[in-house]
């Protein structure tokens, strides 16, 4: 779940009011999540939560070393990275991207980071791992114009891609083989031919970078587990509040109360003093929807509806610490439910359990999807199937590979997937969709579950 600055600012006032109402109700009811937490699954997988707030710089440099081995093997002199997630993965520099070009060059033969960045990021770049830096004032940049240096002038507009290439040329990369994490478009190819005197070949390593990010290291998995530990407690709080004050609240109020609880819990153990590079990649968002809104996979309506008996309800959201973490949803039925609602819920839940067992090293993504969809159809659910069972998860949210009929990628240890064999019945005003994080393990074992939340009727089928 990604929250934009625009949407955050637009809803701050309403969110504060909603969370205050629900927080007051929670305090009055003595809700702290402990009752639901007593139902948590016991972890026996050996994955210990990390104690760090982010992956250390040495971890990122270790990933660079792995990339350098590949670059040298393929005859590349270095890699020019412009994709935000690749830059964060290989350098550890968390940053925002807009229309402003932001790139780093990683030489193949030495541990160095050569930055080409907009002026507004100068403090972030220079206070991190920066061997060399070059900056432009802003997009669109005028030749020689640096108001921050007292140089205010209306110069010729600078082609910033050519500006980066000139930076590589003066560092001796004219005539070399350069890797990029994005395919060059026709204009960029023209720019390269214009700037470089010698024949300079560019080749894409996008797939290589993506594959490295797809397969998580033990350090990443430990940080994922830490993030999920916080979100387990957040879900427990939300469930306890639902049981205590359900029909007194809207889905909006329940969601914001849980988000505030979770955020406070998340930040308790994270160093944050306002300086750059602390409390980075930190997110926690909770969304609750009840009734008809659950009947659509990606609804476009605002959720602000009174919680009522006889409805379906979903508590959903995502969490990250240091960019590590993912989704966690649970689908509820609020008594009294119909036999049809119970059947749809049961099939969806059973498919989640199937996914955990089926997702093993060496199995094709398509095979897992096939068996889950086959079970859905066998149970008469074909009318309610809207999408594939799962997507890979990473720092950016959705990430390859996909548990989809057309994806024949073989599962490898360290890949993490969402858990979403959801079923939707908009005609009857409800839907059921779960999610979690399932990490593929080595040795053909079933996937590891990141959360401690049960899949049980006791957790999800409740009486208010």
Foldseek 3Di string as FASTA:
>chain_A
DDDDPVNCVVCVVVLVVLLVVLVVLCVVLVFQLPVQVVVFFDDDPPQAADLALADDQVQLCVVVLVVLVVCVVVQAQWEKEFDQVLCCSNGVQHDDDDPWTWIWIAGSPDGATEIEGEPVCVVSAVVGGHPHYDYAHTVQGAPPADVVVVRHDRHHGDPSLLVVVLVVVVVPQQQGEYEYLDDDDPVSVVSNPVNHPHDYHYYYPVVVSQVVQQFDDSNLLSNQLVFQALVLSLVSSLLSSCQSQVQVAFQSSSQSNSQVSSVVVVCPSFDDDPDPPGQPLWDKGKGKAKWLVQQDPDDPDDGTGGGDAAIKMKIKIWTGRNLHYAIWMFIAHEPPYDPVVVLQLVLLLVLLVQLQLPQEAFAFLLVNQVVSVVSCVVSVQVVFFDDTQKAWQGSVHGGDDTSHNPGGDGHDFRIKIWGFRKGHDSVRTHIGTGTFIWGYHPDGGGTDTSHRRDSDCVSHYDYD
